[in-house]
Amino acid sequence: MGASKFAGRLRRARLERKMTVRELARRTGYSFGQLSKVENGHARASEMLARQCDAALGLDGKLIASLTEQADGEDPPGEGAVARSGDRYRNWCLSLKVDGASELFRLSDHPGRPLHAPGPPLMRYPAARISAPPEARFGSHAFDAMTALHESTRILGRTASPGVVLPLAISQAHMLRSLARDVRGQDRRRLLALGARVFEHTGWMAQEAGDDSAALWWTDDAVQVAAELGDLDMPRYALIRRALVMYYQRRPARTIDLAGRVLDDSAAAPALRWMAAQRVAQGHALRGDHAASMRALEQAERLRESAGAEAPGHPSLGPAFAPGTTTLITGWCLYDAGRPARAAEALRQGLAAIPADAHRARARFTARLALALAAHHELEEAAACLDEALGHVRRVESATVQADLVELGRVLSRWPGAPVARAVRLRLDEAIHGWSAEED
């Protein structure tokens, strides 16, 4: 929708409520001049301006819809049918072959080759062959060790960079593929069940590294493996994971649709429906529908109580129940729905329950708290939150958290004359440019 059409919708809604531009400016924190330019069609509204005006005018997402209706259309090319060649995601310096064999390459420094073109292999490792009966070659101790390795990798994923965790996770996936190929019976089922969880976690780390295509590819792999076992939890959880990818792509309708399929599935475990309800709430908030978002969060809390102390879906699937989870997601949704003051209050309360060494979770919600504080013009507190968030982000290097920090820079640009805002933006620019340089 063009700037003039949005301006007309905003002006009509304001006049219908007998609200002046100055009153709208007071309620949203935007200047009188900026709102006047938007209403007159001389400036394009940002998404956050639309969100806060939408909330101030009680429009339940109508203004936000006018900005997002074109961006939230059909699926992008290739979604749901990610190429399965595997080379891009399976081959590192240690090339891991589908048949279980592997080769160790040295990266080429020959002037006639591209920088990362591999030279001749230094070592070759043949694929494992289990010719004896499975029970004679594959014992419970080996399986317990592999399970412990996966759980350790998941713990590491909460505190370290995807660049550290992904090679470990992919190597585990390769190991489990190789073993499961030649094992039969109950041992094969146990290996495949563990493999599905390893593939799912690998997809999560790929998303944290900023590669949505790889994230969906690994998630699809997890679903295929689970299908052989008749495991319905993994396909349901895969829908929740896809919903999260859609959320970060700013596509609320797809977020709600994908997570809603699990939420509406009465046969799904309450813990999976709990996670789905949170994604649905985030989708409604992103669309500006505050009331629908809060209803979904109420449903999430009821499902959490129904699930009790059980782990969501499976001990190795999805996030663990944690104190303050609902409060944190409520704060998250309140910010997206254009209510930054209430969002900051909820996020502060929820963050108090997150352990200090849970770096990925603290990075995620502290960055969101900084966003809420900045949007509410509490710049000093936003600066303090940013300092804490950057400390955690440097440890975990989360692409999804970095997206919030980029948005923080845009929010702070509303106060170009404020010394605190300038200082915070400088620190953000240095951090973001540092991440870009490392990726290059």
Protein backbone atom coordinates (compact mmCIF):
# COMPACT_ATOMS: atom_id res chain seq x y z
CA MET A 1 0.00 0.00 0.00
CA GLY A 2 1.39 3.43 -0.91
CA ALA A 3 2.24 6.15 1.61
CA SER A 4 -0.81 8.24 0.62
CA LYS A 5 -3.28 5.38 1.25
CA PHE A 6 -1.73 4.59 4.60
CA ALA A 7 -1.82 8.30 5.48
CA GLY A 8 -5.53 8.46 4.65
CA ARG A 9 -6.31 5.43 6.80
CA LEU A 10 -4.33 6.86 9.72
CA ARG A 11 -5.97 10.30 9.44
CA ARG A 12 -9.50 8.84 9.23
CA ALA A 13 -8.95 6.63 12.27
CA ARG A 14 -7.54 9.54 14.30
CA LEU A 15 -10.37 11.91 13.39
CA GLU A 16 -13.04 9.27 14.08
CA ARG A 17 -11.65 9.05 17.61
CA LYS A 18 -11.52 12.87 17.93
CA MET A 19 -7.81 12.68 18.69
CA THR A 20 -5.36 15.43 17.75
CA VAL A 21 -1.97 14.76 16.17
CA ARG A 22 -0.35 16.08 19.35
CA GLU A 23 -2.31 13.62 21.49
CA LEU A 24 -1.34 10.76 19.16
CA ALA A 25 2.28 11.90 19.38
CA ARG A 26 2.08 11.88 23.19
CA ARG A 27 0.64 8.35 23.24
CA THR A 28 3.14 6.88 20.78
CA GLY A 29 6.35 8.74 21.61
CA TYR A 30 6.76 9.97 18.03
CA SER A 31 7.14 13.69 17.35
CA PHE A 32 4.31 15.91 16.14
CA GLY A 33 6.34 16.75 13.04
CA GLN A 34 7.01 13.15 12.09
CA LEU A 35 3.37 12.11 12.48
CA SER A 36 2.27 15.14 10.48
CA LYS A 37 4.60 14.19 7.63
CA VAL A 38 3.24 10.64 7.63
CA GLU A 39 -0.38 11.82 7.64
CA ASN A 40 0.32 14.25 4.79
CA GLY A 41 1.95 11.53 2.71
CA HIS A 42 5.36 13.24 2.81
CA ALA A 43 7.04 10.41 4.77
CA ARG A 44 6.61 6.65 4.74
CA ALA A 45 5.54 5.04 8.01
CA SER A 46 7.90 2.56 9.61
CA GLU A 47 6.49 -0.72 10.87
CA MET A 48 6.99 0.35 14.49
CA LEU A 49 5.20 3.67 13.92
CA ALA A 50 2.28 1.73 12.45
CA ARG A 51 2.29 -0.66 15.40
CA GLN A 52 2.24 2.06 18.04
CA CYS A 53 -0.37 4.16 16.21
CA ASP A 54 -2.44 1.00 15.75
CA ALA A 55 -2.30 0.30 19.50
CA ALA A 56 -2.98 3.95 20.45
CA LEU A 57 -6.02 4.10 18.17
CA GLY A 58 -7.33 0.63 19.12
CA LEU A 59 -7.37 -0.65 15.54
CA ASP A 60 -6.43 -4.28 16.33
CA GLY A 61 -3.92 -4.62 13.51
CA LYS A 62 -5.67 -2.73 10.70
CA LEU A 63 -2.85 -0.20 10.26
CA ILE A 64 -0.19 -2.90 10.46
CA ALA A 65 -2.07 -4.98 7.91
CA SER A 66 -1.88 -2.09 5.48
CA LEU A 67 1.91 -2.26 5.60
CA THR A 68 2.29 -6.03 5.67
CA GLU A 69 -0.49 -7.30 3.38
CA GLN A 70 1.81 -7.38 0.34
CA ALA A 71 4.83 -8.79 2.18
CA ASP A 72 2.77 -11.58 3.71
CA GLY A 73 1.61 -13.27 0.51
CA GLU A 74 2.43 -16.62 -1.01
CA ASP A 75 5.23 -18.88 0.11
CA PRO A 76 8.64 -17.90 -1.24
CA PRO A 77 9.99 -20.11 -4.05
CA GLY A 78 11.25 -23.39 -2.73
CA GLU A 79 9.66 -23.33 0.72
CA GLY A 80 8.64 -26.82 1.74
CA ALA A 81 10.66 -28.30 -1.09
CA VAL A 82 14.22 -27.37 -0.14
CA ALA A 83 16.79 -28.96 -2.41
CA ARG A 84 18.05 -32.23 -1.01
CA SER A 85 21.43 -32.50 -2.71
CA GLY A 86 22.97 -32.20 0.75
CA ASP A 87 26.38 -31.08 -0.47
CA ARG A 88 26.00 -27.58 0.84
CA TYR A 89 25.18 -28.70 4.36
CA ARG A 90 27.04 -32.01 4.75
CA ASN A 91 30.50 -31.19 3.42
CA TRP A 92 33.00 -29.26 5.43
CA CYS A 93 36.81 -29.58 5.46
CA LEU A 94 35.91 -33.07 6.61
CA SER A 95 33.73 -34.29 3.74
CA LEU A 96 30.98 -36.56 5.06
CA LYS A 97 29.53 -38.83 2.37
CA VAL A 98 25.99 -40.13 2.27
CA ASP A 99 27.18 -43.75 2.22
CA GLY A 100 29.03 -43.27 5.50
CA ALA A 101 32.53 -42.76 4.10
CA SER A 102 34.46 -39.57 4.79
CA GLU A 103 37.50 -37.71 3.53
CA LEU A 104 39.66 -35.09 5.20
CA PHE A 105 40.60 -32.23 2.86
CA ARG A 106 43.10 -29.46 3.24
CA LEU A 107 41.75 -26.11 2.02
CA SER A 108 43.64 -25.10 -1.10
CA ASP A 109 45.97 -22.12 -1.07
CA HIS A 110 47.00 -22.67 -4.69
CA PRO A 111 46.86 -19.34 -6.61
CA GLY A 112 45.00 -20.97 -9.49
CA ARG A 113 42.15 -22.29 -7.32
CA PRO A 114 39.39 -20.48 -5.38
CA LEU A 115 40.41 -19.86 -1.79
CA HIS A 116 38.25 -22.65 -0.31
CA ALA A 117 38.59 -25.19 -3.12
CA PRO A 118 39.74 -28.51 -1.59
CA GLY A 119 42.91 -30.12 -2.83
CA PRO A 120 43.51 -33.88 -2.93
CA PRO A 121 42.23 -35.66 0.20
CA LEU A 122 44.80 -36.12 2.94
CA MET A 123 42.94 -39.07 4.51
CA ARG A 124 40.05 -41.34 3.61
CA TYR A 125 37.85 -43.19 6.07
CA PRO A 126 35.70 -46.06 4.76
CA ALA A 127 32.06 -46.34 5.74
CA ALA A 128 31.27 -48.51 8.75
CA ARG A 129 30.09 -52.03 7.93
CA ILE A 130 28.28 -54.01 10.60
CA SER A 131 28.18 -57.56 9.31
CA ALA A 132 27.54 -59.40 12.58
CA PRO A 133 24.08 -59.50 14.19
CA PRO A 134 23.26 -56.03 15.54
CA GLU A 135 23.02 -57.22 19.12
CA ALA A 136 26.56 -58.53 18.91
CA ARG A 137 28.07 -55.27 17.66
CA PHE A 138 25.98 -52.49 19.10
CA GLY A 139 25.49 -52.41 22.85
CA SER A 140 23.55 -50.18 25.20
CA HIS A 141 26.72 -48.51 26.47
CA ALA A 142 27.48 -47.14 23.00
CA PHE A 143 23.94 -45.85 22.61
CA ASP A 144 24.02 -44.23 26.05
CA ALA A 145 27.28 -42.51 25.14
CA MET A 146 25.79 -41.12 21.92
CA THR A 147 22.70 -39.90 23.78
CA ALA A 148 24.91 -38.17 26.34
CA LEU A 149 26.91 -36.60 23.52
CA HIS A 150 23.75 -35.17 21.97
CA GLU A 151 22.52 -33.79 25.28
CA SER A 152 25.93 -32.17 25.88
CA THR A 153 25.77 -30.58 22.43
CA ARG A 154 22.31 -29.20 23.19
CA ILE A 155 23.63 -27.67 26.42
CA LEU A 156 26.52 -26.17 24.49
CA GLY A 157 24.01 -24.73 22.02
CA ARG A 158 22.51 -22.62 24.81
CA THR A 159 25.83 -21.03 25.66
CA ALA A 160 28.07 -21.05 22.56
CA SER A 161 28.17 -19.86 18.96
CA PRO A 162 26.53 -21.93 16.19
CA GLY A 163 29.97 -21.95 14.58
CA VAL A 164 31.15 -24.11 17.50
CA VAL A 165 28.04 -26.27 17.77
CA LEU A 166 27.17 -26.98 14.13
CA PRO A 167 30.30 -29.03 13.27
CA LEU A 168 29.63 -31.18 16.35
CA ALA A 169 25.95 -31.62 15.54
CA ILE A 170 26.58 -32.43 11.86
CA SER A 171 29.26 -34.97 12.80
CA GLN A 172 26.82 -36.66 15.17
CA ALA A 173 24.19 -36.73 12.43
CA HIS A 174 26.70 -38.38 10.09
CA MET A 175 27.64 -40.95 12.72
CA LEU A 176 24.02 -41.88 13.37
CA ARG A 177 23.22 -42.14 9.64
CA SER A 178 26.17 -44.49 9.16
CA LEU A 179 25.29 -46.75 12.09
CA ALA A 180 21.56 -46.89 11.38
CA ARG A 181 22.15 -47.96 7.76
CA ASP A 182 23.40 -51.42 8.70
CA VAL A 183 21.64 -52.01 12.03
CA ARG A 184 18.26 -53.70 12.24
CA GLY A 185 15.56 -54.28 14.80
CA GLN A 186 15.24 -52.36 18.04
CA ASP A 187 18.76 -50.94 17.80
CA ARG A 188 17.89 -49.29 14.50
CA ARG A 189 14.74 -47.76 15.96
CA ARG A 190 16.70 -46.34 18.88
CA LEU A 191 19.33 -44.89 16.56
CA LEU A 192 16.73 -43.34 14.27
CA ALA A 193 14.85 -41.82 17.22
CA LEU A 194 18.04 -40.22 18.47
CA GLY A 195 18.95 -39.19 14.92
CA ALA A 196 15.68 -37.30 14.48
CA ARG A 197 16.47 -35.25 17.59
CA VAL A 198 20.02 -34.59 16.40
CA PHE A 199 18.76 -33.42 12.99
CA GLU A 200 16.17 -31.15 14.63
CA HIS A 201 18.79 -29.54 16.87
CA THR A 202 21.12 -29.10 13.89
CA GLY A 203 18.32 -27.22 12.13
CA TRP A 204 17.85 -24.94 15.12
CA MET A 205 21.58 -24.12 15.18
CA ALA A 206 21.47 -23.46 11.42
CA GLN A 207 18.69 -20.92 11.97
CA GLU A 208 20.70 -19.28 14.74
CA ALA A 209 23.57 -19.06 12.24
CA GLY A 210 21.25 -17.15 9.89
CA ASP A 211 20.61 -19.90 7.31
CA ASP A 212 16.85 -20.50 7.11
CA SER A 213 17.20 -22.82 4.11
CA ALA A 214 19.55 -25.13 6.00
CA ALA A 215 17.31 -24.96 9.06
CA LEU A 216 14.32 -26.20 7.07
CA TRP A 217 16.43 -28.82 5.27
CA TRP A 218 17.58 -30.41 8.54
CA THR A 219 14.08 -30.19 9.99
CA ASP A 220 12.71 -32.01 6.93
CA ASP A 221 15.37 -34.68 7.47
CA ALA A 222 14.20 -35.10 11.07
CA VAL A 223 10.60 -35.55 9.88
CA GLN A 224 11.61 -38.18 7.30
CA VAL A 225 13.50 -40.19 9.89
CA ALA A 226 10.65 -39.90 12.39
CA ALA A 227 8.17 -41.07 9.74
CA GLU A 228 9.90 -44.45 9.58
CA LEU A 229 9.27 -44.82 13.31
CA GLY A 230 5.65 -43.67 13.19
CA ASP A 231 6.66 -40.73 15.41
CA LEU A 232 4.00 -38.04 15.07
CA ASP A 233 5.60 -35.65 17.55
CA MET A 234 8.42 -34.69 15.23
CA PRO A 235 6.22 -33.66 12.24
CA ARG A 236 4.14 -31.58 14.63
CA TYR A 237 7.21 -29.99 16.13
CA ALA A 238 8.54 -29.33 12.63
CA LEU A 239 5.45 -27.20 11.95
CA ILE A 240 6.24 -25.17 15.08
CA ARG A 241 9.84 -24.73 13.92
CA ARG A 242 8.68 -23.62 10.47
CA ALA A 243 6.31 -21.16 12.13
CA LEU A 244 9.27 -19.61 13.94
CA VAL A 245 11.16 -19.24 10.67
CA MET A 246 8.11 -17.50 9.19
CA TYR A 247 7.90 -15.22 12.22
CA TYR A 248 11.46 -14.01 11.73
CA GLN A 249 10.68 -13.48 8.05
CA ARG A 250 7.91 -11.09 9.23
CA ARG A 251 5.09 -13.23 7.83
CA PRO A 252 2.41 -13.36 10.54
CA ALA A 253 -0.30 -15.18 8.55
CA ARG A 254 2.02 -18.10 7.79
CA THR A 255 3.23 -18.12 11.41
CA ILE A 256 -0.33 -18.43 12.69
CA ASP A 257 -1.32 -21.02 10.08
CA LEU A 258 1.61 -23.39 10.69
CA ALA A 259 1.56 -23.24 14.49
CA GLY A 260 -2.24 -23.25 14.53
CA ARG A 261 -2.31 -26.69 12.92
CA VAL A 262 -0.57 -28.11 16.00
CA LEU A 263 -2.55 -25.99 18.45
CA ASP A 264 -5.82 -27.25 16.95
CA ASP A 265 -4.64 -30.89 16.93
CA SER A 266 -6.33 -32.45 19.97
CA ALA A 267 -4.19 -35.58 19.57
CA ALA A 268 -0.95 -33.61 20.04
CA ALA A 269 0.74 -33.63 23.45
CA PRO A 270 -0.18 -30.63 25.63
CA ALA A 271 3.48 -29.61 25.71
CA LEU A 272 3.65 -29.39 21.91
CA ARG A 273 0.40 -27.45 21.83
CA TRP A 274 1.88 -25.15 24.51
CA MET A 275 4.78 -24.30 22.20
CA ALA A 276 2.40 -23.90 19.25
CA ALA A 277 0.18 -21.49 21.21
CA GLN A 278 3.18 -19.27 21.88
CA ARG A 279 4.00 -19.10 18.17
CA VAL A 280 0.34 -18.33 17.37
CA ALA A 281 0.44 -15.52 19.94
CA GLN A 282 3.58 -14.09 18.36
CA GLY A 283 2.00 -14.24 14.92
CA HIS A 284 -1.11 -12.34 16.07
CA ALA A 285 1.08 -9.75 17.82
CA LEU A 286 3.17 -9.28 14.68
CA ARG A 287 -0.09 -8.63 12.82
CA GLY A 288 -1.12 -6.10 15.50
CA ASP A 289 -4.03 -8.11 16.90
CA HIS A 290 -3.36 -7.63 20.61
CA ALA A 291 -6.57 -9.28 21.81
CA ALA A 292 -6.01 -12.46 19.77
CA SER A 293 -2.39 -12.59 20.92
CA MET A 294 -3.37 -12.43 24.60
CA ARG A 295 -6.05 -15.11 24.09
CA ALA A 296 -3.44 -17.43 22.58
CA LEU A 297 -1.11 -16.79 25.52
CA GLU A 298 -3.92 -17.62 27.96
CA GLN A 299 -4.42 -20.89 26.10
CA ALA A 300 -0.66 -21.52 26.24
CA GLU A 301 -0.67 -21.14 30.00
CA ARG A 302 -3.57 -23.58 30.38
CA LEU A 303 -1.70 -26.10 28.21
CA ARG A 304 1.46 -25.64 30.26
CA GLU A 305 -0.49 -26.48 33.40
CA SER A 306 -1.99 -29.55 31.67
CA ALA A 307 1.45 -30.77 30.64
CA GLY A 308 2.67 -30.46 34.22
CA ALA A 309 6.29 -31.37 34.81
CA GLU A 310 6.74 -33.45 31.66
CA ALA A 311 9.28 -32.23 29.11
CA PRO A 312 7.78 -30.86 25.88
CA GLY A 313 7.16 -33.75 23.51
CA HIS A 314 10.38 -35.56 24.33
CA PRO A 315 13.32 -35.00 26.74
CA SER A 316 15.42 -33.88 23.75
CA LEU A 317 12.80 -32.01 21.74
CA GLY A 318 12.06 -28.32 22.05
CA PRO A 319 12.75 -25.93 24.92
CA ALA A 320 12.46 -26.98 28.53
CA PHE A 321 9.74 -25.59 30.73
CA ALA A 322 11.29 -22.72 32.64
CA PRO A 323 10.10 -20.22 35.22
CA GLY A 324 8.95 -17.03 33.57
CA THR A 325 8.50 -18.51 30.08
CA THR A 326 4.93 -17.28 29.63
CA THR A 327 5.83 -13.88 31.09
CA LEU A 328 8.73 -13.49 28.65
CA ILE A 329 6.65 -14.43 25.60
CA THR A 330 3.93 -12.06 26.82
CA GLY A 331 6.49 -9.24 26.92
CA TRP A 332 7.70 -10.25 23.47
CA CYS A 333 4.17 -10.07 22.06
CA LEU A 334 3.35 -6.79 23.78
CA TYR A 335 6.29 -5.14 22.03
CA ASP A 336 5.22 -6.46 18.63
CA ALA A 337 1.66 -5.26 19.32
CA GLY A 338 2.92 -1.69 19.89
CA ARG A 339 2.79 -1.62 23.71
CA PRO A 340 6.45 -1.11 24.69
CA ALA A 341 5.89 0.10 28.27
CA ARG A 342 3.95 -3.02 29.25
CA ALA A 343 6.39 -5.15 27.27
CA ALA A 344 9.34 -3.82 29.27
CA GLU A 345 7.58 -4.56 32.56
CA ALA A 346 6.87 -8.18 31.58
CA LEU A 347 10.34 -8.77 30.14
CA ARG A 348 12.05 -7.46 33.28
CA GLN A 349 9.97 -9.84 35.39
CA GLY A 350 10.64 -12.84 33.14
CA LEU A 351 14.38 -12.19 32.82
CA ALA A 352 14.77 -12.43 36.59
CA ALA A 353 14.07 -16.18 36.28
CA ILE A 354 16.67 -16.92 33.56
CA PRO A 355 20.02 -18.23 34.89
CA ALA A 356 22.99 -15.94 34.31
CA ASP A 357 24.82 -18.60 32.27
CA ALA A 358 21.90 -19.22 29.88
CA HIS A 359 23.58 -16.92 27.38
CA ARG A 360 21.35 -17.58 24.36
CA ALA A 361 18.10 -16.99 26.28
CA ARG A 362 19.48 -13.96 28.09
CA ALA A 363 20.76 -12.50 24.82
CA ARG A 364 17.36 -12.97 23.17
CA PHE A 365 15.18 -11.44 25.87
CA THR A 366 17.61 -8.74 27.03
CA ALA A 367 17.82 -7.48 23.43
CA ARG A 368 14.02 -7.45 23.26
CA LEU A 369 13.90 -5.54 26.58
CA ALA A 370 16.33 -2.95 25.17
CA LEU A 371 14.01 -2.57 22.18
CA ALA A 372 10.97 -2.03 24.38
CA LEU A 373 12.77 0.51 26.58
CA ALA A 374 14.06 2.45 23.59
CA ALA A 375 10.60 2.52 21.97
CA HIS A 376 9.25 3.94 25.23
CA HIS A 377 12.04 6.58 25.27
CA GLU A 378 13.78 5.11 28.33
CA LEU A 379 17.14 5.54 26.64
CA GLU A 380 19.45 5.23 29.66
CA GLU A 381 17.94 1.87 30.62
CA ALA A 382 18.00 0.75 26.99
CA ALA A 383 21.73 1.51 26.88
CA ALA A 384 22.35 -0.59 30.01
CA CYS A 385 20.35 -3.48 28.53
CA LEU A 386 22.28 -3.26 25.29
CA ASP A 387 25.59 -3.61 27.14
CA GLU A 388 24.34 -6.79 28.80
CA ALA A 389 22.82 -8.15 25.59
CA LEU A 390 26.03 -7.62 23.62
CA GLY A 391 27.98 -9.54 26.24
CA HIS A 392 25.74 -12.56 25.70
CA VAL A 393 25.45 -12.12 21.91
CA ARG A 394 29.22 -12.21 21.51
CA ARG A 395 29.17 -15.66 23.10
CA VAL A 396 26.32 -17.17 21.11
CA GLU A 397 26.37 -15.17 17.84
CA SER A 398 22.64 -15.54 17.26
CA ALA A 399 21.35 -14.27 13.91
CA THR A 400 17.81 -13.99 15.30
CA VAL A 401 18.97 -11.85 18.23
CA GLN A 402 21.08 -9.73 15.93
CA ALA A 403 17.92 -8.95 13.93
CA ASP A 404 16.42 -7.38 17.06
CA LEU A 405 19.58 -5.33 17.61
CA VAL A 406 19.39 -4.04 14.04
CA GLU A 407 15.81 -2.96 14.75
CA LEU A 408 17.03 -1.28 17.94
CA GLY A 409 19.28 0.92 15.81
CA ARG A 410 16.27 1.94 13.72
CA VAL A 411 14.22 2.77 16.83
CA LEU A 412 17.02 4.90 18.26
CA SER A 413 17.20 6.91 15.03
CA ARG A 414 13.97 8.58 16.17
CA TRP A 415 16.06 10.67 18.59
CA PRO A 416 19.05 11.81 16.54
CA GLY A 417 19.80 14.68 18.92
CA ALA A 418 19.89 12.62 22.12
CA PRO A 419 23.49 11.93 23.26
CA VAL A 420 22.53 8.57 24.79
CA ALA A 421 20.82 7.46 21.56
CA ARG A 422 23.88 8.47 19.51
CA ALA A 423 26.22 6.57 21.85
CA VAL A 424 24.08 3.44 21.78
CA ARG A 425 23.80 3.54 17.98
CA LEU A 426 27.59 3.85 17.74
CA ARG A 427 28.07 0.73 19.87
CA LEU A 428 25.47 -1.08 17.78
CA ASP A 429 27.11 -0.06 14.52
CA GLU A 430 30.51 -1.27 15.76
CA ALA A 431 29.02 -4.61 16.84
CA ILE A 432 27.01 -5.14 13.65
CA HIS A 433 29.95 -4.22 11.41
CA GLY A 434 32.12 -6.56 13.46
CA TRP A 435 29.68 -9.44 12.82
CA SER A 436 29.60 -8.63 9.10
CA ALA A 437 33.39 -8.58 8.89
CA GLU A 438 33.62 -11.96 10.63
CA GLU A 439 31.05 -13.46 8.21
CA ASP A 440 32.99 -12.10 5.21
